[in-house]
Amino acid sequence: MLVAAPVGPVNVLCIQRAIERGFWGGLAAGIGAMLGDGLIALFAALGVGAISGAVQYHRMAIQLLGGLVLVLFGLKLYFAKPRFSPITPESEQPETLRDFVWDIPQTFLLTITNPGAVLGLFAIFGGVSTFVEVDSYVDALTIVAAVMAGSLAWWLGLSHLIARFRHRFSVSRLQLINKVAGLLLIGFGVLLFGEVIAKRLGLLL
């Protein structure tokens, strides 16, 4: 849960999806984030040293790609219209996870290109390895399963909580939420670009 809970670009998008699309929309976005966390955790668990070194070596490229993805997602979200007009839960048509399946690859892509998530998970696994022995593939997969289970539990709970109050939002408020979430994603992307530029200028100086 500590991996999934910190506020970042992926969380912003998942929360926006839950507010706009309800429990299943938020859960679909959360599943994408969980799968992304699981993939990163798998690489970290199987080879912290070698892969972490490669991640650090290509950090600027990862940041540029992550920043570009964030800006594009942010622009899309900023100009997006609310997906539906909020109505009361009693009259709402039942929806399923299948209706929002396209959100899964979107948040998965956002997670695996998010430098904060990548570097954060490698840092966590680097610390865990000092007091938890990872001597086999079973040990590694157990830790990965724990990361994914905690992430899924977080998004289940948060999506359920948000879904209970989402019907109180008006169309204009949903539009405002889209714009704020879009600006936050763009801001995260610009910060990544700015850090890369600052480092490059520092190297040149």
N, C-alpha and C. Protein backbone atom coordinates (compact mmCIF):
# COMPACT_ATOMS: atom_id res chain seq x y z
N MET A 1 0.83 -1.21 0.00
CA MET A 1 0.00 0.00 0.00
C MET A 1 0.86 1.26 0.00
N LEU A 2 2.01 1.19 0.68
CA LEU A 2 2.90 2.35 0.72
C LEU A 2 3.45 2.68 -0.66
N VAL A 3 3.52 1.67 -1.53
CA VAL A 3 3.97 1.91 -2.90
C VAL A 3 2.89 2.65 -3.69
N ALA A 4 1.62 2.29 -3.47
CA ALA A 4 0.53 2.85 -4.27
C ALA A 4 0.00 4.17 -3.73
N ALA A 5 0.10 4.39 -2.41
CA ALA A 5 -0.58 5.51 -1.78
C ALA A 5 -0.01 6.90 -2.07
N PRO A 6 1.32 7.10 -2.15
CA PRO A 6 1.82 8.47 -2.32
C PRO A 6 1.23 9.17 -3.54
N VAL A 7 0.89 10.45 -3.36
CA VAL A 7 0.29 11.22 -4.45
C VAL A 7 1.31 11.48 -5.54
N GLY A 8 0.95 11.13 -6.75
CA GLY A 8 1.80 11.34 -7.92
C GLY A 8 0.92 11.38 -9.15
N PRO A 9 1.50 11.43 -10.33
CA PRO A 9 0.70 11.54 -11.55
C PRO A 9 -0.26 10.38 -11.77
N VAL A 10 0.17 9.17 -11.43
CA VAL A 10 -0.71 8.00 -11.62
C VAL A 10 -1.90 8.09 -10.68
N ASN A 11 -1.65 8.49 -9.44
CA ASN A 11 -2.74 8.64 -8.47
C ASN A 11 -3.73 9.69 -8.90
N VAL A 12 -3.21 10.80 -9.44
CA VAL A 12 -4.09 11.87 -9.90
C VAL A 12 -5.04 11.35 -10.98
N LEU A 13 -4.50 10.60 -11.93
CA LEU A 13 -5.33 10.08 -13.02
C LEU A 13 -6.33 9.05 -12.50
N CYS A 14 -5.89 8.16 -11.62
CA CYS A 14 -6.79 7.14 -11.09
C CYS A 14 -7.93 7.76 -10.29
N ILE A 15 -7.62 8.76 -9.47
CA ILE A 15 -8.65 9.43 -8.68
C ILE A 15 -9.63 10.16 -9.59
N GLN A 16 -9.11 10.80 -10.63
CA GLN A 16 -9.99 11.48 -11.59
C GLN A 16 -10.93 10.49 -12.26
N ARG A 17 -10.41 9.32 -12.62
CA ARG A 17 -11.24 8.29 -13.25
C ARG A 17 -12.33 7.81 -12.30
N ALA A 18 -11.99 7.65 -11.02
CA ALA A 18 -12.99 7.20 -10.05
C ALA A 18 -14.08 8.24 -9.85
N ILE A 19 -13.71 9.53 -9.81
CA ILE A 19 -14.69 10.59 -9.65
C ILE A 19 -15.60 10.67 -10.86
N GLU A 20 -15.03 10.59 -12.04
CA GLU A 20 -15.80 10.77 -13.27
C GLU A 20 -16.58 9.52 -13.66
N ARG A 21 -15.99 8.33 -13.44
CA ARG A 21 -16.56 7.12 -14.00
C ARG A 21 -17.05 6.12 -12.96
N GLY A 22 -16.86 6.44 -11.69
CA GLY A 22 -17.38 5.56 -10.67
C GLY A 22 -16.41 4.47 -10.25
N PHE A 23 -16.93 3.52 -9.45
CA PHE A 23 -16.10 2.47 -8.87
C PHE A 23 -15.34 1.68 -9.92
N TRP A 24 -16.02 1.21 -10.95
CA TRP A 24 -15.37 0.36 -11.94
C TRP A 24 -14.35 1.13 -12.77
N GLY A 25 -14.63 2.40 -13.05
CA GLY A 25 -13.66 3.22 -13.76
C GLY A 25 -12.41 3.44 -12.95
N GLY A 26 -12.58 3.73 -11.65
CA GLY A 26 -11.43 3.91 -10.77
C GLY A 26 -10.65 2.62 -10.59
N LEU A 27 -11.39 1.50 -10.47
CA LEU A 27 -10.71 0.22 -10.29
C LEU A 27 -9.94 -0.18 -11.54
N ALA A 28 -10.51 0.08 -12.73
CA ALA A 28 -9.80 -0.24 -13.97
C ALA A 28 -8.49 0.52 -14.05
N ALA A 29 -8.54 1.81 -13.72
CA ALA A 29 -7.32 2.61 -13.71
C ALA A 29 -6.34 2.09 -12.67
N GLY A 30 -6.87 1.70 -11.50
CA GLY A 30 -6.02 1.15 -10.45
C GLY A 30 -5.38 -0.17 -10.84
N ILE A 31 -6.09 -1.00 -11.59
CA ILE A 31 -5.54 -2.28 -12.05
C ILE A 31 -4.35 -2.03 -12.98
N GLY A 32 -4.48 -1.02 -13.86
CA GLY A 32 -3.36 -0.68 -14.72
C GLY A 32 -2.14 -0.25 -13.92
N ALA A 33 -2.39 0.56 -12.88
CA ALA A 33 -1.29 0.99 -12.02
C ALA A 33 -0.69 -0.20 -11.26
N MET A 34 -1.56 -1.11 -10.82
CA MET A 34 -1.08 -2.30 -10.10
C MET A 34 -0.20 -3.17 -10.99
N LEU A 35 -0.62 -3.37 -12.23
CA LEU A 35 0.18 -4.18 -13.16
C LEU A 35 1.52 -3.52 -13.46
N GLY A 36 1.50 -2.18 -13.58
CA GLY A 36 2.76 -1.47 -13.79
C GLY A 36 3.69 -1.60 -12.60
N ASP A 37 3.12 -1.43 -11.38
CA ASP A 37 3.93 -1.61 -10.16
C ASP A 37 4.47 -3.03 -10.09
N GLY A 38 3.64 -4.00 -10.47
CA GLY A 38 4.07 -5.39 -10.42
C GLY A 38 5.21 -5.69 -11.38
N LEU A 39 5.14 -5.11 -12.59
CA LEU A 39 6.20 -5.34 -13.57
C LEU A 39 7.52 -4.73 -13.10
N ILE A 40 7.45 -3.50 -12.59
CA ILE A 40 8.66 -2.85 -12.09
C ILE A 40 9.22 -3.62 -10.90
N ALA A 41 8.32 -4.04 -10.00
CA ALA A 41 8.75 -4.80 -8.82
C ALA A 41 9.40 -6.12 -9.22
N LEU A 42 8.89 -6.74 -10.28
CA LEU A 42 9.46 -8.01 -10.74
C LEU A 42 10.90 -7.82 -11.20
N PHE A 43 11.13 -6.79 -12.01
CA PHE A 43 12.49 -6.51 -12.46
C PHE A 43 13.40 -6.17 -11.27
N ALA A 44 12.85 -5.40 -10.34
CA ALA A 44 13.65 -5.02 -9.16
C ALA A 44 13.99 -6.23 -8.31
N ALA A 45 13.03 -7.15 -8.15
CA ALA A 45 13.26 -8.31 -7.29
C ALA A 45 14.23 -9.30 -7.92
N LEU A 46 14.22 -9.39 -9.24
CA LEU A 46 15.08 -10.38 -9.90
C LEU A 46 16.51 -9.90 -10.09
N GLY A 47 16.73 -8.60 -10.01
CA GLY A 47 18.10 -8.13 -10.20
C GLY A 47 18.25 -6.68 -9.82
N VAL A 48 18.23 -6.41 -8.54
CA VAL A 48 18.28 -5.03 -8.06
C VAL A 48 19.53 -4.32 -8.55
N GLY A 49 20.69 -4.98 -8.40
CA GLY A 49 21.95 -4.32 -8.73
C GLY A 49 22.08 -3.97 -10.20
N ALA A 50 22.00 -4.98 -11.07
CA ALA A 50 22.23 -4.78 -12.49
C ALA A 50 21.18 -3.88 -13.12
N ILE A 51 19.89 -4.15 -12.83
CA ILE A 51 18.83 -3.37 -13.45
C ILE A 51 18.78 -1.96 -12.89
N SER A 52 19.02 -1.84 -11.58
CA SER A 52 19.04 -0.51 -10.97
C SER A 52 20.13 0.34 -11.60
N GLY A 53 21.29 -0.27 -11.87
CA GLY A 53 22.36 0.47 -12.53
C GLY A 53 21.96 0.93 -13.91
N ALA A 54 21.27 0.06 -14.64
CA ALA A 54 20.81 0.42 -15.98
C ALA A 54 19.78 1.55 -15.92
N VAL A 55 18.89 1.47 -14.93
CA VAL A 55 17.89 2.52 -14.76
C VAL A 55 18.55 3.86 -14.47
N GLN A 56 19.55 3.85 -13.57
CA GLN A 56 20.26 5.08 -13.25
C GLN A 56 21.01 5.61 -14.48
N TYR A 57 21.60 4.71 -15.26
CA TYR A 57 22.37 5.11 -16.43
C TYR A 57 21.47 5.78 -17.48
N HIS A 58 20.26 5.26 -17.63
CA HIS A 58 19.32 5.79 -18.62
C HIS A 58 18.27 6.70 -17.98
N ARG A 59 18.60 7.23 -16.83
CA ARG A 59 17.60 8.02 -16.09
C ARG A 59 17.08 9.20 -16.90
N MET A 60 17.95 9.92 -17.57
CA MET A 60 17.51 11.09 -18.34
C MET A 60 16.54 10.69 -19.44
N ALA A 61 16.84 9.60 -20.14
CA ALA A 61 15.96 9.13 -21.21
C ALA A 61 14.60 8.73 -20.63
N ILE A 62 14.62 8.06 -19.47
CA ILE A 62 13.37 7.65 -18.82
C ILE A 62 12.57 8.88 -18.41
N GLN A 63 13.26 9.90 -17.90
CA GLN A 63 12.57 11.13 -17.49
C GLN A 63 11.96 11.86 -18.68
N LEU A 64 12.69 11.91 -19.79
CA LEU A 64 12.16 12.58 -20.98
C LEU A 64 10.93 11.86 -21.51
N LEU A 65 11.01 10.54 -21.58
CA LEU A 65 9.86 9.76 -22.04
C LEU A 65 8.69 9.91 -21.07
N GLY A 66 8.98 9.80 -19.78
CA GLY A 66 7.93 9.95 -18.78
C GLY A 66 7.31 11.34 -18.82
N GLY A 67 8.14 12.37 -18.97
CA GLY A 67 7.62 13.73 -19.05
C GLY A 67 6.73 13.93 -20.26
N LEU A 68 7.13 13.37 -21.40
CA LEU A 68 6.33 13.49 -22.62
C LEU A 68 4.98 12.81 -22.46
N VAL A 69 4.99 11.60 -21.89
CA VAL A 69 3.74 10.87 -21.67
C VAL A 69 2.82 11.64 -20.73
N LEU A 70 3.38 12.20 -19.66
CA LEU A 70 2.57 12.96 -18.71
C LEU A 70 1.96 14.19 -19.35
N VAL A 71 2.74 14.92 -20.14
CA VAL A 71 2.22 16.12 -20.79
C VAL A 71 1.10 15.76 -21.77
N LEU A 72 1.28 14.70 -22.53
CA LEU A 72 0.26 14.28 -23.49
C LEU A 72 -1.02 13.84 -22.78
N PHE A 73 -0.88 13.05 -21.71
CA PHE A 73 -2.05 12.65 -20.93
C PHE A 73 -2.72 13.87 -20.32
N GLY A 74 -1.91 14.79 -19.81
CA GLY A 74 -2.46 15.99 -19.19
C GLY A 74 -3.24 16.85 -20.16
N LEU A 75 -2.70 17.05 -21.36
CA LEU A 75 -3.40 17.83 -22.38
C LEU A 75 -4.71 17.16 -22.79
N LYS A 76 -4.66 15.85 -22.95
CA LYS A 76 -5.87 15.12 -23.32
C LYS A 76 -6.93 15.26 -22.25
N LEU A 77 -6.51 15.15 -20.99
CA LEU A 77 -7.46 15.25 -19.89
C LEU A 77 -7.98 16.67 -19.71
N TYR A 78 -7.11 17.65 -19.91
CA TYR A 78 -7.51 19.05 -19.74
C TYR A 78 -8.63 19.43 -20.70
N PHE A 79 -8.53 18.97 -21.94
CA PHE A 79 -9.52 19.34 -22.96
C PHE A 79 -10.67 18.34 -23.06
N ALA A 80 -10.62 17.28 -22.25
CA ALA A 80 -11.68 16.28 -22.31
C ALA A 80 -12.94 16.79 -21.62
N LYS A 81 -14.08 16.44 -22.18
CA LYS A 81 -15.35 16.75 -21.56
C LYS A 81 -15.72 15.61 -20.62
N PRO A 82 -16.47 15.91 -19.55
CA PRO A 82 -16.90 14.84 -18.66
C PRO A 82 -17.58 13.73 -19.43
N ARG A 83 -17.30 12.51 -19.04
CA ARG A 83 -17.79 11.36 -19.79
C ARG A 83 -19.30 11.21 -19.69
N PHE A 84 -19.89 11.70 -18.64
CA PHE A 84 -21.33 11.58 -18.49
C PHE A 84 -21.82 12.69 -17.57
N SER A 85 -23.13 12.93 -17.57
CA SER A 85 -23.74 13.86 -16.64
C SER A 85 -24.09 13.10 -15.37
N PRO A 86 -23.57 13.54 -14.22
CA PRO A 86 -23.81 12.80 -12.98
C PRO A 86 -25.30 12.69 -12.69
N ILE A 87 -25.70 11.53 -12.25
CA ILE A 87 -27.09 11.29 -11.86
C ILE A 87 -27.07 10.53 -10.55
N THR A 88 -28.22 10.39 -9.95
CA THR A 88 -28.26 9.74 -8.64
C THR A 88 -27.98 8.26 -8.78
N PRO A 89 -27.39 7.66 -7.75
CA PRO A 89 -27.04 6.25 -7.83
C PRO A 89 -28.24 5.34 -8.10
N GLU A 90 -29.43 5.75 -7.61
CA GLU A 90 -30.61 4.90 -7.77
C GLU A 90 -30.99 4.73 -9.23
N SER A 91 -30.78 5.77 -10.04
CA SER A 91 -31.20 5.70 -11.44
C SER A 91 -30.05 5.38 -12.38
N GLU A 92 -28.87 5.22 -11.84
CA GLU A 92 -27.70 4.98 -12.68
C GLU A 92 -27.74 3.58 -13.28
N GLN A 93 -27.41 3.48 -14.55
CA GLN A 93 -27.35 2.19 -15.21
C GLN A 93 -26.16 1.40 -14.70
N PRO A 94 -26.33 0.11 -14.45
CA PRO A 94 -25.22 -0.69 -13.93
C PRO A 94 -24.09 -0.81 -14.95
N GLU A 95 -22.86 -0.66 -14.49
CA GLU A 95 -21.69 -0.77 -15.35
C GLU A 95 -20.78 -1.85 -14.79
N THR A 96 -19.89 -2.34 -15.64
CA THR A 96 -18.96 -3.38 -15.22
C THR A 96 -17.54 -2.96 -15.57
N LEU A 97 -16.59 -3.76 -15.11
CA LEU A 97 -15.19 -3.48 -15.40
C LEU A 97 -14.92 -3.48 -16.90
N ARG A 98 -15.66 -4.30 -17.65
CA ARG A 98 -15.48 -4.39 -19.09
C ARG A 98 -15.70 -3.04 -19.79
N ASP A 99 -16.57 -2.21 -19.24
CA ASP A 99 -16.87 -0.92 -19.86
C ASP A 99 -15.68 0.04 -19.81
N PHE A 100 -14.72 -0.23 -18.92
CA PHE A 100 -13.60 0.68 -18.73
C PHE A 100 -12.25 -0.01 -18.94
N VAL A 101 -12.27 -1.11 -19.67
CA VAL A 101 -11.05 -1.91 -19.82
C VAL A 101 -9.93 -1.13 -20.50
N TRP A 102 -10.27 -0.14 -21.34
CA TRP A 102 -9.24 0.63 -22.03
C TRP A 102 -8.42 1.49 -21.08
N ASP A 103 -8.95 1.77 -19.89
CA ASP A 103 -8.19 2.55 -18.92
C ASP A 103 -7.02 1.75 -18.35
N ILE A 104 -7.09 0.43 -18.40
CA ILE A 104 -6.03 -0.40 -17.82
C ILE A 104 -4.70 -0.19 -18.53
N PRO A 105 -4.62 -0.32 -19.88
CA PRO A 105 -3.32 -0.08 -20.54
C PRO A 105 -2.85 1.37 -20.44
N GLN A 106 -3.78 2.32 -20.32
CA GLN A 106 -3.38 3.72 -20.20
C GLN A 106 -2.61 3.96 -18.91
N THR A 107 -3.17 3.53 -17.78
CA THR A 107 -2.48 3.77 -16.51
C THR A 107 -1.27 2.85 -16.36
N PHE A 108 -1.29 1.69 -17.02
CA PHE A 108 -0.11 0.82 -17.03
C PHE A 108 1.05 1.54 -17.71
N LEU A 109 0.78 2.14 -18.88
CA LEU A 109 1.82 2.89 -19.60
C LEU A 109 2.32 4.06 -18.77
N LEU A 110 1.38 4.76 -18.13
CA LEU A 110 1.77 5.92 -17.31
C LEU A 110 2.64 5.49 -16.14
N THR A 111 2.36 4.32 -15.57
CA THR A 111 3.12 3.83 -14.42
C THR A 111 4.54 3.44 -14.80
N ILE A 112 4.69 2.66 -15.87
CA ILE A 112 6.02 2.15 -16.22
C ILE A 112 6.90 3.23 -16.84
N THR A 113 6.31 4.35 -17.25
CA THR A 113 7.12 5.46 -17.77
C THR A 113 7.27 6.58 -16.75
N ASN A 114 6.79 6.33 -15.53
CA ASN A 114 6.89 7.32 -14.45
C ASN A 114 8.20 7.11 -13.69
N PRO A 115 9.18 7.98 -13.85
CA PRO A 115 10.48 7.79 -13.18
C PRO A 115 10.35 7.66 -11.67
N GLY A 116 9.40 8.37 -11.09
CA GLY A 116 9.22 8.29 -9.65
C GLY A 116 8.86 6.89 -9.20
N ALA A 117 7.95 6.24 -9.94
CA ALA A 117 7.54 4.88 -9.60
C ALA A 117 8.68 3.90 -9.81
N VAL A 118 9.40 4.04 -10.93
CA VAL A 118 10.50 3.13 -11.24
C VAL A 118 11.61 3.24 -10.21
N LEU A 119 12.10 4.46 -9.98
CA LEU A 119 13.20 4.65 -9.05
C LEU A 119 12.78 4.38 -7.61
N GLY A 120 11.52 4.71 -7.29
CA GLY A 120 11.03 4.47 -5.94
C GLY A 120 10.97 2.99 -5.61
N LEU A 121 10.48 2.19 -6.54
CA LEU A 121 10.39 0.75 -6.30
C LEU A 121 11.78 0.11 -6.19
N PHE A 122 12.71 0.57 -7.04
CA PHE A 122 14.06 0.03 -6.95
C PHE A 122 14.70 0.41 -5.62
N ALA A 123 14.43 1.63 -5.15
CA ALA A 123 14.96 2.05 -3.85
C ALA A 123 14.38 1.20 -2.73
N ILE A 124 13.06 0.93 -2.81
CA ILE A 124 12.41 0.11 -1.79
C ILE A 124 13.00 -1.30 -1.77
N PHE A 125 13.18 -1.88 -2.95
CA PHE A 125 13.72 -3.23 -3.01
C PHE A 125 15.18 -3.25 -2.56
N GLY A 126 15.91 -2.18 -2.84
CA GLY A 126 17.27 -2.10 -2.36
C GLY A 126 17.33 -2.10 -0.85
N GLY A 127 16.38 -1.40 -0.21
CA GLY A 127 16.33 -1.39 1.25
C GLY A 127 15.82 -2.70 1.82
N VAL A 128 14.81 -3.28 1.17
CA VAL A 128 14.25 -4.54 1.66
C VAL A 128 15.30 -5.65 1.64
N SER A 129 16.17 -5.63 0.62
CA SER A 129 17.15 -6.71 0.47
C SER A 129 18.16 -6.75 1.62
N THR A 130 18.21 -5.67 2.41
CA THR A 130 19.16 -5.66 3.52
C THR A 130 18.67 -6.48 4.71
N PHE A 131 17.34 -6.69 4.80
CA PHE A 131 16.83 -7.48 5.92
C PHE A 131 15.87 -8.60 5.50
N VAL A 132 15.60 -8.73 4.20
CA VAL A 132 14.79 -9.84 3.70
C VAL A 132 15.61 -10.58 2.65
N GLU A 133 15.84 -11.85 2.88
CA GLU A 133 16.64 -12.63 1.95
C GLU A 133 15.80 -13.02 0.73
N VAL A 134 16.33 -12.71 -0.45
CA VAL A 134 15.68 -13.11 -1.69
C VAL A 134 16.62 -14.09 -2.38
N ASP A 135 16.44 -15.36 -2.06
CA ASP A 135 17.37 -16.38 -2.52
C ASP A 135 16.84 -17.20 -3.68
N SER A 136 15.58 -17.04 -4.02
CA SER A 136 15.00 -17.86 -5.08
C SER A 136 13.92 -17.07 -5.82
N TYR A 137 13.48 -17.65 -6.93
CA TYR A 137 12.40 -17.03 -7.70
C TYR A 137 11.11 -16.99 -6.89
N VAL A 138 10.92 -17.99 -6.02
CA VAL A 138 9.72 -18.01 -5.18
C VAL A 138 9.72 -16.81 -4.24
N ASP A 139 10.88 -16.51 -3.64
CA ASP A 139 10.99 -15.34 -2.76
C ASP A 139 10.68 -14.05 -3.52
N ALA A 140 11.26 -13.93 -4.73
CA ALA A 140 11.06 -12.73 -5.54
C ALA A 140 9.60 -12.57 -5.93
N LEU A 141 8.97 -13.66 -6.36
CA LEU A 141 7.58 -13.59 -6.78
C LEU A 141 6.64 -13.33 -5.61
N THR A 142 7.03 -13.80 -4.42
CA THR A 142 6.23 -13.53 -3.22
C THR A 142 6.21 -12.04 -2.91
N ILE A 143 7.37 -11.41 -3.02
CA ILE A 143 7.44 -9.96 -2.77
C ILE A 143 6.64 -9.20 -3.83
N VAL A 144 6.77 -9.61 -5.08
CA VAL A 144 6.03 -8.96 -6.16
C VAL A 144 4.52 -9.11 -5.95
N ALA A 145 4.10 -10.31 -5.55
CA ALA A 145 2.68 -10.54 -5.27
C ALA A 145 2.19 -9.65 -4.13
N ALA A 146 3.05 -9.44 -3.13
CA ALA A 146 2.68 -8.57 -2.01
C ALA A 146 2.51 -7.12 -2.47
N VAL A 147 3.42 -6.66 -3.34
CA VAL A 147 3.31 -5.30 -3.88
C VAL A 147 2.00 -5.15 -4.65
N MET A 148 1.69 -6.13 -5.50
CA MET A 148 0.48 -6.04 -6.33
C MET A 148 -0.78 -6.15 -5.48
N ALA A 149 -0.75 -7.02 -4.46
CA ALA A 149 -1.92 -7.17 -3.59
C ALA A 149 -2.18 -5.88 -2.79
N GLY A 150 -1.11 -5.27 -2.29
CA GLY A 150 -1.27 -4.02 -1.56
C GLY A 150 -1.80 -2.91 -2.45
N SER A 151 -1.28 -2.84 -3.68
CA SER A 151 -1.73 -1.83 -4.63
C SER A 151 -3.20 -2.03 -4.97
N LEU A 152 -3.60 -3.29 -5.23
CA LEU A 152 -4.99 -3.58 -5.57
C LEU A 152 -5.92 -3.25 -4.39
N ALA A 153 -5.49 -3.58 -3.18
CA ALA A 153 -6.30 -3.27 -2.00
C ALA A 153 -6.51 -1.77 -1.85
N TRP A 154 -5.44 -1.00 -2.11
CA TRP A 154 -5.53 0.46 -2.02
C TRP A 154 -6.56 1.00 -3.01
N TRP A 155 -6.50 0.54 -4.26
CA TRP A 155 -7.40 1.08 -5.28
C TRP A 155 -8.82 0.58 -5.10
N LEU A 156 -9.00 -0.62 -4.59
CA LEU A 156 -10.35 -1.09 -4.28
C LEU A 156 -10.99 -0.19 -3.23
N GLY A 157 -10.26 0.06 -2.15
CA GLY A 157 -10.80 0.89 -1.08
C GLY A 157 -11.05 2.32 -1.51
N LEU A 158 -10.08 2.90 -2.22
CA LEU A 158 -10.22 4.30 -2.62
C LEU A 158 -11.33 4.47 -3.66
N SER A 159 -11.41 3.57 -4.62
CA SER A 159 -12.47 3.66 -5.64
C SER A 159 -13.85 3.51 -5.00
N HIS A 160 -13.96 2.61 -4.04
CA HIS A 160 -15.23 2.43 -3.35
C HIS A 160 -15.62 3.68 -2.58
N LEU A 161 -14.65 4.29 -1.89
CA LEU A 161 -14.92 5.50 -1.12
C LEU A 161 -15.37 6.64 -2.02
N ILE A 162 -14.64 6.85 -3.12
CA ILE A 162 -14.97 7.94 -4.04
C ILE A 162 -16.33 7.70 -4.70
N ALA A 163 -16.63 6.44 -5.05
CA ALA A 163 -17.89 6.11 -5.73
C ALA A 163 -19.10 6.45 -4.87
N ARG A 164 -18.93 6.42 -3.56
CA ARG A 164 -20.06 6.71 -2.67
C ARG A 164 -20.46 8.18 -2.70
N PHE A 165 -19.56 9.06 -3.13
CA PHE A 165 -19.84 10.50 -3.09
C PHE A 165 -19.84 11.14 -4.47
N ARG A 166 -19.51 10.39 -5.51
CA ARG A 166 -19.35 11.00 -6.84
C ARG A 166 -20.64 11.58 -7.39
N HIS A 167 -21.79 11.05 -6.99
CA HIS A 167 -23.06 11.52 -7.54
C HIS A 167 -23.37 12.96 -7.11
N ARG A 168 -22.60 13.48 -6.15
CA ARG A 168 -22.82 14.85 -5.70
C ARG A 168 -22.15 15.89 -6.60
N PHE A 169 -21.32 15.43 -7.54
CA PHE A 169 -20.61 16.36 -8.41
C PHE A 169 -21.48 16.75 -9.59
N SER A 170 -21.44 18.04 -9.92
CA SER A 170 -22.15 18.53 -11.11
C SER A 170 -21.23 18.42 -12.32
N VAL A 171 -21.80 18.65 -13.50
CA VAL A 171 -21.03 18.59 -14.74
C VAL A 171 -19.91 19.63 -14.71
N SER A 172 -20.23 20.83 -14.23
CA SER A 172 -19.22 21.89 -14.19
C SER A 172 -18.08 21.54 -13.24
N ARG A 173 -18.40 20.88 -12.14
CA ARG A 173 -17.35 20.47 -11.21
C ARG A 173 -16.49 19.36 -11.81
N LEU A 174 -17.11 18.45 -12.53
CA LEU A 174 -16.34 17.41 -13.20
C LEU A 174 -15.41 18.01 -14.24
N GLN A 175 -15.91 19.02 -14.96
CA GLN A 175 -15.07 19.70 -15.94
C GLN A 175 -13.88 20.36 -15.26
N LEU A 176 -14.13 20.98 -14.09
CA LEU A 176 -13.06 21.62 -13.34
C LEU A 176 -12.05 20.57 -12.85
N ILE A 177 -12.55 19.43 -12.39
CA ILE A 177 -11.66 18.36 -11.93
C ILE A 177 -10.78 17.88 -13.07
N ASN A 178 -11.38 17.73 -14.26
CA ASN A 178 -10.59 17.32 -15.43
C ASN A 178 -9.46 18.31 -15.71
N LYS A 179 -9.79 19.59 -15.64
CA LYS A 179 -8.79 20.62 -15.94
C LYS A 179 -7.68 20.64 -14.87
N VAL A 180 -8.08 20.55 -13.61
CA VAL A 180 -7.08 20.55 -12.53
C VAL A 180 -6.18 19.32 -12.63
N ALA A 181 -6.80 18.15 -12.86
CA ALA A 181 -6.01 16.92 -12.99
C ALA A 181 -5.09 17.00 -14.20
N GLY A 182 -5.61 17.56 -15.30
CA GLY A 182 -4.77 17.71 -16.50
C GLY A 182 -3.59 18.63 -16.24
N LEU A 183 -3.83 19.74 -15.55
CA LEU A 183 -2.75 20.67 -15.24
C LEU A 183 -1.72 20.04 -14.30
N LEU A 184 -2.18 19.23 -13.36
CA LEU A 184 -1.25 18.54 -12.46
C LEU A 184 -0.35 17.58 -13.24
N LEU A 185 -0.94 16.82 -14.16
CA LEU A 185 -0.15 15.90 -14.97
C LEU A 185 0.86 16.66 -15.82
N ILE A 186 0.41 17.75 -16.44
CA ILE A 186 1.32 18.57 -17.24
C ILE A 186 2.43 19.12 -16.35
N GLY A 187 2.07 19.55 -15.13
CA GLY A 187 3.07 20.07 -14.20
C GLY A 187 4.11 19.04 -13.84
N PHE A 188 3.66 17.80 -13.56
CA PHE A 188 4.61 16.72 -13.28
C PHE A 188 5.54 16.50 -14.47
N GLY A 189 4.99 16.53 -15.68
CA GLY A 189 5.80 16.34 -16.88
C GLY A 189 6.82 17.45 -17.07
N VAL A 190 6.39 18.69 -16.85
CA VAL A 190 7.29 19.84 -17.00
C VAL A 190 8.42 19.76 -15.97
N LEU A 191 8.10 19.32 -14.76
CA LEU A 191 9.13 19.16 -13.73
C LEU A 191 10.20 18.16 -14.17
N LEU A 192 9.76 17.08 -14.79
CA LEU A 192 10.73 16.09 -15.28
C LEU A 192 11.62 16.69 -16.35
N PHE A 193 11.01 17.42 -17.30
CA PHE A 193 11.79 18.10 -18.33
C PHE A 193 12.76 19.10 -17.71
N GLY A 194 12.26 19.86 -16.72
CA GLY A 194 13.09 20.88 -16.08
C GLY A 194 14.29 20.28 -15.36
N GLU A 195 14.08 19.12 -14.72
CA GLU A 195 15.20 18.47 -14.03
C GLU A 195 16.27 18.02 -15.02
N VAL A 196 15.82 17.46 -16.16
CA VAL A 196 16.77 17.02 -17.19
C VAL A 196 17.56 18.21 -17.73
N ILE A 197 16.85 19.33 -18.03
CA ILE A 197 17.52 20.52 -18.55
C ILE A 197 18.51 21.08 -17.54
N ALA A 198 18.09 21.10 -16.27
CA ALA A 198 18.98 21.61 -15.21
C ALA A 198 20.26 20.77 -15.12
N LYS A 199 20.10 19.45 -15.20
CA LYS A 199 21.26 18.57 -15.14
C LYS A 199 22.17 18.77 -16.34
N ARG A 200 21.57 18.94 -17.51
CA ARG A 200 22.37 19.15 -18.70
C ARG A 200 23.14 20.46 -18.62
N LEU A 201 22.49 21.51 -18.13
CA LEU A 201 23.15 22.80 -17.98
C LEU A 201 24.27 22.70 -16.95
N GLY A 202 24.02 21.93 -15.89
CA GLY A 202 25.03 21.74 -14.88
C GLY A 202 26.26 21.03 -15.43
N LEU A 203 26.01 20.04 -16.30
CA LEU A 203 27.12 19.32 -16.92
C LEU A 203 27.91 20.22 -17.86
N LEU A 204 27.17 21.08 -18.59
CA LEU A 204 27.83 21.98 -19.54
C LEU A 204 28.65 23.02 -18.81
N LEU A 205 28.15 23.48 -17.66
CA LEU A 205 28.89 24.50 -16.90
C LEU A 205 30.08 23.87 -16.20
